[in-house]
Amino acid sequence: MPRSKPPVKTEVSVEEFLAFEATSSERHEYAHGQVFAMAGSSERHNRLAFELAMAIAQNSRDTGCRVLMSDVKVQTPTGAIYYPDVMVVCDASDDHPYIKRSPCLIVEVLSDSTLDIDRGEKWLNYQTLPSLQMYVLLEQDTMRAEVFRRMEGGWFYERIESGSLKLPCVNLEIALEDIYARLG
């Protein structure tokens, strides 16, 4: 599905985008030669991402994995560049300070302005990451997760409304209730 807002720039190379983004006071995403301004997020959106990131970080201290939040970019093999809400990288060689290319887990918190992009464009690009084991979409206003899990033979989809979220690359199982509990 196409984005509702026009691109800020078109016919831009990855290198031109990275140079532009390094000096921009606002954040942008890059897909198919186009640069798009990012929408701001609500407090609830931010807190939900933070709660999950903290649970993962507490569990993965001794694993060598790094939990990153929305200020570090991921670049897909298709050349798309995004700022995931939460990303886990366990590959020590993926050491660029601003861009990661081998996450094992990506989480996006859905909002009205981004849900079509998160379910469509981003998902199409994220699944090209060979290292990605799981893509999770968290509903902002309802306790619900959509999980895309890489399995032998392809991707498996699961919708979780109660119970636990199993995150294999950090060997963590966390109850959805625990993620949403502090949001009020």
N, C-alpha and C. Protein backbone atom coordinates (compact mmCIF):
# COMPACT_ATOMS: atom_id res chain seq x y z
N MET A 1 0.84 -1.18 0.00
CA MET A 1 0.00 0.00 0.00
C MET A 1 0.88 1.24 0.00
N PRO A 2 0.60 2.20 -0.87
CA PRO A 2 1.41 3.41 -0.92
C PRO A 2 1.22 4.27 0.33
N ARG A 3 2.23 5.04 0.62
CA ARG A 3 2.16 5.93 1.77
C ARG A 3 1.19 7.08 1.49
N SER A 4 0.57 7.57 2.57
CA SER A 4 -0.43 8.62 2.39
C SER A 4 0.21 9.99 2.17
N LYS A 5 1.43 10.18 2.64
CA LYS A 5 2.11 11.46 2.45
C LYS A 5 3.16 11.32 1.35
N PRO A 6 3.35 12.36 0.55
CA PRO A 6 4.35 12.28 -0.51
C PRO A 6 5.77 12.25 0.07
N PRO A 7 6.71 11.73 -0.69
CA PRO A 7 8.09 11.71 -0.21
C PRO A 7 8.67 13.11 -0.10
N VAL A 8 9.62 13.27 0.81
CA VAL A 8 10.34 14.53 0.98
C VAL A 8 11.34 14.71 -0.16
N LYS A 9 11.93 13.59 -0.59
CA LYS A 9 12.90 13.59 -1.69
C LYS A 9 12.66 12.33 -2.52
N THR A 10 12.97 12.40 -3.80
CA THR A 10 12.86 11.23 -4.67
C THR A 10 14.15 11.05 -5.45
N GLU A 11 14.31 9.86 -6.02
CA GLU A 11 15.49 9.51 -6.81
C GLU A 11 16.79 9.76 -6.03
N VAL A 12 16.81 9.26 -4.81
CA VAL A 12 17.94 9.44 -3.90
C VAL A 12 18.64 8.09 -3.72
N SER A 13 19.95 8.08 -3.76
CA SER A 13 20.69 6.85 -3.50
C SER A 13 20.78 6.61 -1.99
N VAL A 14 21.13 5.41 -1.60
CA VAL A 14 21.32 5.09 -0.18
C VAL A 14 22.36 6.03 0.42
N GLU A 15 23.45 6.23 -0.28
CA GLU A 15 24.53 7.10 0.23
C GLU A 15 24.03 8.53 0.41
N GLU A 16 23.26 9.03 -0.56
CA GLU A 16 22.71 10.39 -0.45
C GLU A 16 21.74 10.47 0.73
N PHE A 17 20.93 9.43 0.91
CA PHE A 17 20.00 9.42 2.05
C PHE A 17 20.76 9.47 3.36
N LEU A 18 21.79 8.64 3.50
CA LEU A 18 22.55 8.59 4.76
C LEU A 18 23.22 9.93 5.05
N ALA A 19 23.74 10.60 4.03
CA ALA A 19 24.35 11.93 4.22
C ALA A 19 23.28 12.95 4.62
N PHE A 20 22.13 12.90 3.97
CA PHE A 20 21.02 13.79 4.31
C PHE A 20 20.55 13.56 5.74
N GLU A 21 20.37 12.30 6.12
CA GLU A 21 19.86 11.95 7.45
C GLU A 21 20.84 12.34 8.55
N ALA A 22 22.13 12.26 8.26
CA ALA A 22 23.16 12.60 9.27
C ALA A 22 23.10 14.07 9.67
N THR A 23 22.58 14.93 8.80
CA THR A 23 22.53 16.36 9.11
C THR A 23 21.12 16.87 9.36
N SER A 24 20.13 16.00 9.27
CA SER A 24 18.74 16.41 9.43
C SER A 24 18.35 16.49 10.91
N SER A 25 17.54 17.48 11.24
CA SER A 25 17.05 17.59 12.62
C SER A 25 15.82 16.70 12.84
N GLU A 26 15.25 16.17 11.76
CA GLU A 26 14.11 15.26 11.83
C GLU A 26 14.54 13.90 11.30
N ARG A 27 13.80 12.86 11.68
CA ARG A 27 14.12 11.51 11.19
C ARG A 27 13.29 11.18 9.95
N HIS A 28 13.93 10.40 9.07
CA HIS A 28 13.29 9.99 7.83
C HIS A 28 13.54 8.51 7.59
N GLU A 29 12.68 7.91 6.77
CA GLU A 29 12.87 6.54 6.33
C GLU A 29 13.11 6.56 4.83
N TYR A 30 13.73 5.48 4.35
CA TYR A 30 14.14 5.41 2.95
C TYR A 30 13.65 4.12 2.33
N ALA A 31 12.97 4.22 1.20
CA ALA A 31 12.51 3.02 0.50
C ALA A 31 12.41 3.33 -0.99
N HIS A 32 13.05 2.49 -1.79
CA HIS A 32 12.94 2.56 -3.24
C HIS A 32 13.31 3.93 -3.79
N GLY A 33 14.39 4.52 -3.26
CA GLY A 33 14.87 5.81 -3.75
C GLY A 33 14.10 7.01 -3.26
N GLN A 34 13.16 6.78 -2.35
CA GLN A 34 12.35 7.88 -1.83
C GLN A 34 12.59 8.07 -0.34
N VAL A 35 12.56 9.31 0.11
CA VAL A 35 12.77 9.67 1.51
C VAL A 35 11.44 10.17 2.08
N PHE A 36 11.04 9.58 3.20
CA PHE A 36 9.76 9.93 3.83
C PHE A 36 10.00 10.45 5.24
N ALA A 37 9.32 11.54 5.60
CA ALA A 37 9.36 12.04 6.97
C ALA A 37 8.64 11.04 7.88
N MET A 38 9.18 10.84 9.05
CA MET A 38 8.55 9.93 10.01
C MET A 38 7.53 10.67 10.85
N ALA A 39 6.47 9.97 11.18
CA ALA A 39 5.45 10.52 12.07
C ALA A 39 5.95 10.44 13.51
N GLY A 40 5.51 11.35 14.33
CA GLY A 40 5.84 11.29 15.75
C GLY A 40 5.04 10.19 16.42
N SER A 41 5.44 9.79 17.63
CA SER A 41 4.72 8.73 18.32
C SER A 41 4.15 9.26 19.63
N SER A 42 3.13 8.56 20.10
CA SER A 42 2.47 8.95 21.34
C SER A 42 3.26 8.44 22.54
N GLU A 43 2.90 8.92 23.70
CA GLU A 43 3.53 8.43 24.93
C GLU A 43 3.27 6.93 25.09
N ARG A 44 2.04 6.50 24.83
CA ARG A 44 1.70 5.08 24.97
C ARG A 44 2.55 4.22 24.03
N HIS A 45 2.70 4.67 22.80
CA HIS A 45 3.53 3.98 21.82
C HIS A 45 4.96 3.84 22.36
N ASN A 46 5.50 4.93 22.85
CA ASN A 46 6.87 4.94 23.37
C ASN A 46 7.02 4.04 24.59
N ARG A 47 6.06 4.10 25.49
CA ARG A 47 6.14 3.29 26.71
C ARG A 47 6.02 1.80 26.42
N LEU A 48 5.18 1.44 25.45
CA LEU A 48 5.03 0.04 25.08
C LEU A 48 6.34 -0.51 24.51
N ALA A 49 6.96 0.24 23.62
CA ALA A 49 8.26 -0.17 23.07
C ALA A 49 9.30 -0.26 24.18
N PHE A 50 9.30 0.70 25.09
CA PHE A 50 10.27 0.72 26.19
C PHE A 50 10.09 -0.49 27.11
N GLU A 51 8.85 -0.81 27.47
CA GLU A 51 8.60 -1.95 28.36
C GLU A 51 9.13 -3.26 27.76
N LEU A 52 8.88 -3.45 26.47
CA LEU A 52 9.38 -4.67 25.83
C LEU A 52 10.90 -4.64 25.72
N ALA A 53 11.46 -3.51 25.34
CA ALA A 53 12.92 -3.40 25.23
C ALA A 53 13.60 -3.67 26.58
N MET A 54 13.03 -3.15 27.65
CA MET A 54 13.61 -3.37 28.98
C MET A 54 13.55 -4.85 29.37
N ALA A 55 12.44 -5.51 29.12
CA ALA A 55 12.31 -6.94 29.44
C ALA A 55 13.33 -7.75 28.65
N ILE A 56 13.52 -7.42 27.38
CA ILE A 56 14.51 -8.13 26.57
C ILE A 56 15.91 -7.84 27.08
N ALA A 57 16.20 -6.58 27.35
CA ALA A 57 17.54 -6.21 27.81
C ALA A 57 17.91 -6.89 29.12
N GLN A 58 16.97 -6.95 30.05
CA GLN A 58 17.23 -7.61 31.33
C GLN A 58 17.52 -9.09 31.16
N ASN A 59 16.88 -9.71 30.18
CA ASN A 59 17.05 -11.14 29.96
C ASN A 59 18.30 -11.46 29.12
N SER A 60 18.77 -10.51 28.33
CA SER A 60 19.83 -10.82 27.38
C SER A 60 21.19 -10.26 27.76
N ARG A 61 21.38 -9.89 29.00
CA ARG A 61 22.65 -9.29 29.43
C ARG A 61 23.86 -10.17 29.13
N ASP A 62 23.74 -11.47 29.31
CA ASP A 62 24.88 -12.36 29.13
C ASP A 62 24.90 -13.06 27.78
N THR A 63 24.07 -12.63 26.85
CA THR A 63 23.97 -13.32 25.56
C THR A 63 24.84 -12.69 24.48
N GLY A 64 25.31 -11.48 24.70
CA GLY A 64 26.03 -10.77 23.65
C GLY A 64 25.10 -10.03 22.70
N CYS A 65 23.81 -10.15 22.92
CA CYS A 65 22.84 -9.46 22.09
C CYS A 65 22.66 -8.03 22.58
N ARG A 66 22.35 -7.13 21.64
CA ARG A 66 22.11 -5.74 21.98
C ARG A 66 20.68 -5.37 21.64
N VAL A 67 20.03 -4.70 22.56
CA VAL A 67 18.65 -4.24 22.35
C VAL A 67 18.73 -2.77 22.00
N LEU A 68 18.16 -2.43 20.86
CA LEU A 68 18.22 -1.05 20.36
C LEU A 68 16.81 -0.53 20.15
N MET A 69 16.67 0.76 20.38
CA MET A 69 15.35 1.36 20.19
C MET A 69 15.38 2.32 19.02
N SER A 70 14.37 3.09 18.87
CA SER A 70 14.01 3.81 17.66
C SER A 70 15.00 4.83 17.11
N ASP A 71 16.19 4.95 17.64
CA ASP A 71 17.16 5.90 17.08
C ASP A 71 18.26 5.24 16.27
N VAL A 72 18.23 3.92 16.15
CA VAL A 72 19.22 3.20 15.34
C VAL A 72 18.49 2.61 14.14
N LYS A 73 19.09 2.78 12.97
CA LYS A 73 18.46 2.35 11.72
C LYS A 73 18.78 0.89 11.42
N VAL A 74 17.90 0.26 10.63
CA VAL A 74 18.16 -1.05 10.05
C VAL A 74 18.11 -0.87 8.54
N GLN A 75 19.07 -1.52 7.84
CA GLN A 75 19.07 -1.50 6.38
C GLN A 75 18.83 -2.91 5.88
N THR A 76 17.87 -3.06 5.00
CA THR A 76 17.54 -4.37 4.45
C THR A 76 18.34 -4.61 3.17
N PRO A 77 18.43 -5.87 2.73
CA PRO A 77 19.10 -6.15 1.46
C PRO A 77 18.47 -5.44 0.26
N THR A 78 17.21 -5.04 0.38
CA THR A 78 16.54 -4.30 -0.69
C THR A 78 16.97 -2.84 -0.72
N GLY A 79 17.74 -2.42 0.30
CA GLY A 79 18.20 -1.04 0.39
C GLY A 79 17.31 -0.14 1.23
N ALA A 80 16.16 -0.64 1.66
CA ALA A 80 15.27 0.17 2.50
C ALA A 80 15.93 0.40 3.86
N ILE A 81 15.68 1.56 4.43
CA ILE A 81 16.26 1.92 5.72
C ILE A 81 15.14 2.46 6.61
N TYR A 82 15.01 1.84 7.79
CA TYR A 82 13.95 2.21 8.73
C TYR A 82 14.53 2.36 10.13
N TYR A 83 13.72 2.95 11.01
CA TYR A 83 14.01 3.05 12.43
C TYR A 83 13.01 2.15 13.16
N PRO A 84 13.33 0.89 13.42
CA PRO A 84 12.37 0.04 14.15
C PRO A 84 12.18 0.55 15.58
N ASP A 85 11.00 0.29 16.14
CA ASP A 85 10.75 0.69 17.52
C ASP A 85 11.66 -0.07 18.47
N VAL A 86 11.83 -1.37 18.24
CA VAL A 86 12.75 -2.20 19.04
C VAL A 86 13.43 -3.16 18.06
N MET A 87 14.73 -3.35 18.26
CA MET A 87 15.49 -4.26 17.41
C MET A 87 16.52 -4.96 18.29
N VAL A 88 16.74 -6.25 18.03
CA VAL A 88 17.75 -7.01 18.74
C VAL A 88 18.77 -7.50 17.73
N VAL A 89 20.05 -7.24 18.02
CA VAL A 89 21.15 -7.67 17.17
C VAL A 89 22.08 -8.53 18.02
N CYS A 90 22.32 -9.75 17.58
CA CYS A 90 23.20 -10.66 18.31
C CYS A 90 24.52 -10.92 17.58
N ASP A 91 24.65 -10.43 16.38
CA ASP A 91 25.84 -10.61 15.55
C ASP A 91 26.88 -9.54 15.93
N ALA A 92 27.98 -9.97 16.55
CA ALA A 92 29.02 -9.03 16.99
C ALA A 92 29.65 -8.27 15.84
N SER A 93 29.64 -8.85 14.64
CA SER A 93 30.25 -8.17 13.49
C SER A 93 29.35 -7.06 12.93
N ASP A 94 28.11 -6.99 13.35
CA ASP A 94 27.19 -5.94 12.93
C ASP A 94 27.43 -4.74 13.85
N ASP A 95 28.53 -4.05 13.61
CA ASP A 95 29.02 -3.07 14.59
C ASP A 95 28.99 -1.62 14.12
N HIS A 96 28.32 -1.32 13.02
CA HIS A 96 28.20 0.08 12.60
C HIS A 96 27.44 0.84 13.68
N PRO A 97 27.88 2.03 14.04
CA PRO A 97 27.22 2.74 15.15
C PRO A 97 25.81 3.26 14.86
N TYR A 98 25.43 3.40 13.59
CA TYR A 98 24.13 3.98 13.27
C TYR A 98 23.20 3.07 12.47
N ILE A 99 23.74 2.05 11.82
CA ILE A 99 22.95 1.20 10.94
C ILE A 99 23.24 -0.26 11.25
N LYS A 100 22.18 -1.05 11.41
CA LYS A 100 22.34 -2.49 11.62
C LYS A 100 21.80 -3.22 10.40
N ARG A 101 22.43 -4.35 10.10
CA ARG A 101 22.04 -5.12 8.92
C ARG A 101 21.72 -6.58 9.24
N SER A 102 21.86 -6.97 10.52
CA SER A 102 21.60 -8.38 10.86
C SER A 102 20.83 -8.56 12.16
N PRO A 103 19.69 -7.89 12.29
CA PRO A 103 18.88 -8.10 13.50
C PRO A 103 18.23 -9.48 13.48
N CYS A 104 18.03 -10.05 14.68
CA CYS A 104 17.30 -11.32 14.76
C CYS A 104 15.84 -11.07 15.13
N LEU A 105 15.55 -9.89 15.67
CA LEU A 105 14.20 -9.54 16.09
C LEU A 105 13.95 -8.07 15.78
N ILE A 106 12.78 -7.80 15.19
CA ILE A 106 12.33 -6.42 14.98
C ILE A 106 10.90 -6.33 15.51
N VAL A 107 10.64 -5.25 16.26
CA VAL A 107 9.30 -5.00 16.80
C VAL A 107 8.87 -3.61 16.36
N GLU A 108 7.66 -3.51 15.86
CA GLU A 108 7.04 -2.23 15.55
C GLU A 108 5.76 -2.11 16.37
N VAL A 109 5.55 -0.95 16.96
CA VAL A 109 4.30 -0.66 17.66
C VAL A 109 3.39 0.05 16.67
N LEU A 110 2.21 -0.51 16.47
CA LEU A 110 1.29 0.02 15.46
C LEU A 110 0.61 1.29 15.93
N SER A 111 0.46 2.22 15.01
CA SER A 111 -0.35 3.41 15.23
C SER A 111 -1.18 3.61 13.98
N ASP A 112 -2.21 4.42 14.05
CA ASP A 112 -3.08 4.62 12.90
C ASP A 112 -2.30 5.09 11.67
N SER A 113 -1.30 5.94 11.89
CA SER A 113 -0.57 6.50 10.75
C SER A 113 0.47 5.55 10.16
N THR A 114 0.84 4.48 10.87
CA THR A 114 1.90 3.61 10.37
C THR A 114 1.49 2.16 10.15
N LEU A 115 0.29 1.76 10.56
CA LEU A 115 -0.02 0.33 10.53
C LEU A 115 0.02 -0.26 9.13
N ASP A 116 -0.43 0.46 8.12
CA ASP A 116 -0.37 -0.08 6.76
C ASP A 116 1.08 -0.24 6.29
N ILE A 117 1.92 0.69 6.64
CA ILE A 117 3.34 0.62 6.26
C ILE A 117 4.02 -0.51 7.02
N ASP A 118 3.73 -0.64 8.33
CA ASP A 118 4.35 -1.69 9.15
C ASP A 118 3.94 -3.08 8.66
N ARG A 119 2.68 -3.25 8.30
CA ARG A 119 2.18 -4.55 7.83
C ARG A 119 2.51 -4.82 6.37
N GLY A 120 2.75 -3.78 5.62
CA GLY A 120 2.98 -3.92 4.18
C GLY A 120 4.43 -3.72 3.79
N GLU A 121 4.76 -2.48 3.47
CA GLU A 121 6.10 -2.15 2.95
C GLU A 121 7.23 -2.63 3.86
N LYS A 122 7.14 -2.32 5.14
CA LYS A 122 8.22 -2.72 6.04
C LYS A 122 8.33 -4.24 6.13
N TRP A 123 7.19 -4.92 6.25
CA TRP A 123 7.23 -6.37 6.35
C TRP A 123 7.86 -6.98 5.09
N LEU A 124 7.50 -6.48 3.92
CA LEU A 124 8.09 -7.00 2.68
C LEU A 124 9.60 -6.82 2.67
N ASN A 125 10.07 -5.68 3.15
CA ASN A 125 11.51 -5.43 3.19
C ASN A 125 12.20 -6.17 4.33
N TYR A 126 11.59 -6.21 5.50
CA TYR A 126 12.22 -6.88 6.65
C TYR A 126 12.43 -8.38 6.39
N GLN A 127 11.50 -9.01 5.71
CA GLN A 127 11.63 -10.46 5.53
C GLN A 127 12.79 -10.83 4.62
N THR A 128 13.42 -9.84 3.96
CA THR A 128 14.60 -10.12 3.14
C THR A 128 15.88 -10.17 3.98
N LEU A 129 15.78 -9.82 5.26
CA LEU A 129 16.95 -9.89 6.15
C LEU A 129 17.21 -11.35 6.52
N PRO A 130 18.33 -11.94 6.07
CA PRO A 130 18.59 -13.36 6.35
C PRO A 130 18.66 -13.69 7.85
N SER A 131 19.08 -12.72 8.66
CA SER A 131 19.25 -12.95 10.10
C SER A 131 17.94 -12.88 10.88
N LEU A 132 16.90 -12.27 10.29
CA LEU A 132 15.66 -12.02 11.02
C LEU A 132 14.93 -13.32 11.31
N GLN A 133 14.70 -13.57 12.59
CA GLN A 133 13.96 -14.75 13.03
C GLN A 133 12.51 -14.44 13.34
N MET A 134 12.25 -13.16 13.72
CA MET A 134 10.90 -12.82 14.15
C MET A 134 10.63 -11.33 13.93
N TYR A 135 9.41 -11.06 13.46
CA TYR A 135 8.92 -9.69 13.31
C TYR A 135 7.64 -9.62 14.12
N VAL A 136 7.57 -8.67 15.06
CA VAL A 136 6.42 -8.54 15.96
C VAL A 136 5.79 -7.18 15.78
N LEU A 137 4.47 -7.19 15.64
CA LEU A 137 3.68 -5.96 15.60
C LEU A 137 2.84 -5.92 16.87
N LEU A 138 3.02 -4.88 17.66
CA LEU A 138 2.25 -4.72 18.89
C LEU A 138 1.17 -3.67 18.68
N GLU A 139 -0.06 -4.03 19.02
CA GLU A 139 -1.17 -3.08 18.98
C GLU A 139 -0.95 -2.08 20.11
N GLN A 140 -1.25 -0.84 19.85
CA GLN A 140 -1.04 0.21 20.85
C GLN A 140 -2.19 0.30 21.85
N ASP A 141 -3.42 0.13 21.36
CA ASP A 141 -4.58 0.36 22.20
C ASP A 141 -5.26 -0.91 22.68
N THR A 142 -4.83 -2.06 22.20
CA THR A 142 -5.40 -3.35 22.58
C THR A 142 -4.25 -4.30 22.87
N MET A 143 -4.39 -5.15 23.87
CA MET A 143 -3.33 -6.11 24.17
C MET A 143 -3.37 -7.20 23.09
N ARG A 144 -2.51 -7.01 22.07
CA ARG A 144 -2.49 -7.95 20.96
C ARG A 144 -1.15 -7.82 20.24
N ALA A 145 -0.62 -8.98 19.84
CA ALA A 145 0.60 -9.02 19.06
C ALA A 145 0.37 -9.85 17.81
N GLU A 146 0.91 -9.37 16.72
CA GLU A 146 0.97 -10.16 15.49
C GLU A 146 2.42 -10.58 15.34
N VAL A 147 2.64 -11.87 15.16
CA VAL A 147 4.00 -12.40 15.13
C VAL A 147 4.24 -13.11 13.81
N PHE A 148 5.32 -12.74 13.15
CA PHE A 148 5.80 -13.43 11.96
C PHE A 148 7.10 -14.11 12.37
N ARG A 149 7.10 -15.44 12.32
CA ARG A 149 8.24 -16.22 12.79
C ARG A 149 8.82 -17.01 11.62
N ARG A 150 10.14 -16.89 11.42
CA ARG A 150 10.79 -17.65 10.35
C ARG A 150 10.89 -19.11 10.78
N MET A 151 10.37 -19.99 9.95
CA MET A 151 10.41 -21.42 10.21
C MET A 151 11.00 -22.09 8.98
N GLU A 152 11.32 -23.35 9.11
CA GLU A 152 11.78 -24.08 7.94
C GLU A 152 10.68 -24.04 6.88
N GLY A 153 11.03 -23.58 5.71
CA GLY A 153 10.05 -23.52 4.64
C GLY A 153 9.34 -22.18 4.50
N GLY A 154 9.62 -21.22 5.35
CA GLY A 154 8.99 -19.91 5.18
C GLY A 154 8.64 -19.23 6.49
N TRP A 155 7.67 -18.36 6.42
CA TRP A 155 7.25 -17.57 7.57
C TRP A 155 5.91 -18.07 8.10
N PHE A 156 5.80 -18.12 9.42
CA PHE A 156 4.59 -18.56 10.10
C PHE A 156 3.98 -17.34 10.80
N TYR A 157 2.68 -17.14 10.65
CA TYR A 157 1.97 -16.02 11.26
C TYR A 157 1.16 -16.49 12.45
N GLU A 158 1.20 -15.71 13.53
CA GLU A 158 0.42 -16.02 14.73
C GLU A 158 -0.09 -14.71 15.33
N ARG A 159 -1.33 -14.73 15.75
CA ARG A 159 -1.93 -13.57 16.44
C ARG A 159 -2.09 -13.97 17.90
N ILE A 160 -1.55 -13.16 18.80
CA ILE A 160 -1.57 -13.48 20.22
C ILE A 160 -2.36 -12.39 20.96
N GLU A 161 -3.41 -12.80 21.66
CA GLU A 161 -4.21 -11.85 22.44
C GLU A 161 -4.13 -12.13 23.93
N SER A 162 -3.61 -13.27 24.28
CA SER A 162 -3.34 -13.61 25.68
C SER A 162 -2.23 -14.65 25.66
N GLY A 163 -1.63 -14.85 26.80
CA GLY A 163 -0.54 -15.81 26.84
C GLY A 163 0.80 -15.11 26.67
N SER A 164 1.75 -15.83 26.12
CA SER A 164 3.12 -15.35 26.09
C SER A 164 3.65 -15.12 24.68
N LEU A 165 4.58 -14.22 24.63
CA LEU A 165 5.33 -13.94 23.42
C LEU A 165 6.67 -14.65 23.58
N LYS A 166 7.00 -15.55 22.66
CA LYS A 166 8.24 -16.32 22.73
C LYS A 166 9.23 -15.71 21.76
N LEU A 167 10.36 -15.22 22.30
CA LEU A 167 11.37 -14.56 21.49
C LEU A 167 12.63 -15.43 21.47
N PRO A 168 12.77 -16.27 20.43
CA PRO A 168 13.84 -17.28 20.43
C PRO A 168 15.26 -16.73 20.40
N CYS A 169 15.51 -15.63 19.71
CA CYS A 169 16.91 -15.21 19.60
C CYS A 169 17.49 -14.70 20.92
N VAL A 170 16.63 -14.36 21.87
CA VAL A 170 17.11 -13.98 23.20
C VAL A 170 16.63 -14.97 24.26
N ASN A 171 16.04 -16.06 23.78
CA ASN A 171 15.57 -17.12 24.69
C ASN A 171 14.69 -16.56 25.80
N LEU A 172 13.67 -15.80 25.41
CA LEU A 172 12.79 -15.15 26.37
C LEU A 172 11.35 -15.47 26.04
N GLU A 173 10.60 -15.77 27.08
CA GLU A 173 9.14 -15.90 26.97
C GLU A 173 8.57 -14.89 27.95
N ILE A 174 7.75 -13.98 27.44
CA ILE A 174 7.20 -12.93 28.28
C ILE A 174 5.70 -12.84 28.04
N ALA A 175 4.95 -12.76 29.12
CA ALA A 175 3.49 -12.66 29.04
C ALA A 175 3.11 -11.30 28.46
N LEU A 176 2.15 -11.31 27.54
CA LEU A 176 1.66 -10.05 26.99
C LEU A 176 1.18 -9.13 28.11
N GLU A 177 0.54 -9.72 29.11
CA GLU A 177 0.04 -8.94 30.24
C GLU A 177 1.17 -8.15 30.91
N ASP A 178 2.36 -8.73 30.98
CA ASP A 178 3.50 -8.05 31.60
C ASP A 178 3.98 -6.87 30.76
N ILE A 179 3.90 -6.99 29.45
CA ILE A 179 4.33 -5.91 28.57
C ILE A 179 3.37 -4.73 28.69
N TYR A 180 2.06 -5.02 28.75
CA TYR A 180 1.04 -3.98 28.75
C TYR A 180 0.67 -3.49 30.16
N ALA A 181 1.10 -4.19 31.20
CA ALA A 181 0.63 -3.93 32.56
C ALA A 181 0.86 -2.51 33.05
N ARG A 182 1.97 -1.92 32.74
CA ARG A 182 2.29 -0.59 33.29
C ARG A 182 1.77 0.58 32.46
N LEU A 183 1.02 0.27 31.41
CA LEU A 183 0.55 1.34 30.55
C LEU A 183 -0.68 2.04 31.08
N GLY A 184 -1.40 1.38 31.98
CA GLY A 184 -2.59 1.98 32.59
C GLY A 184 -3.81 1.94 31.72
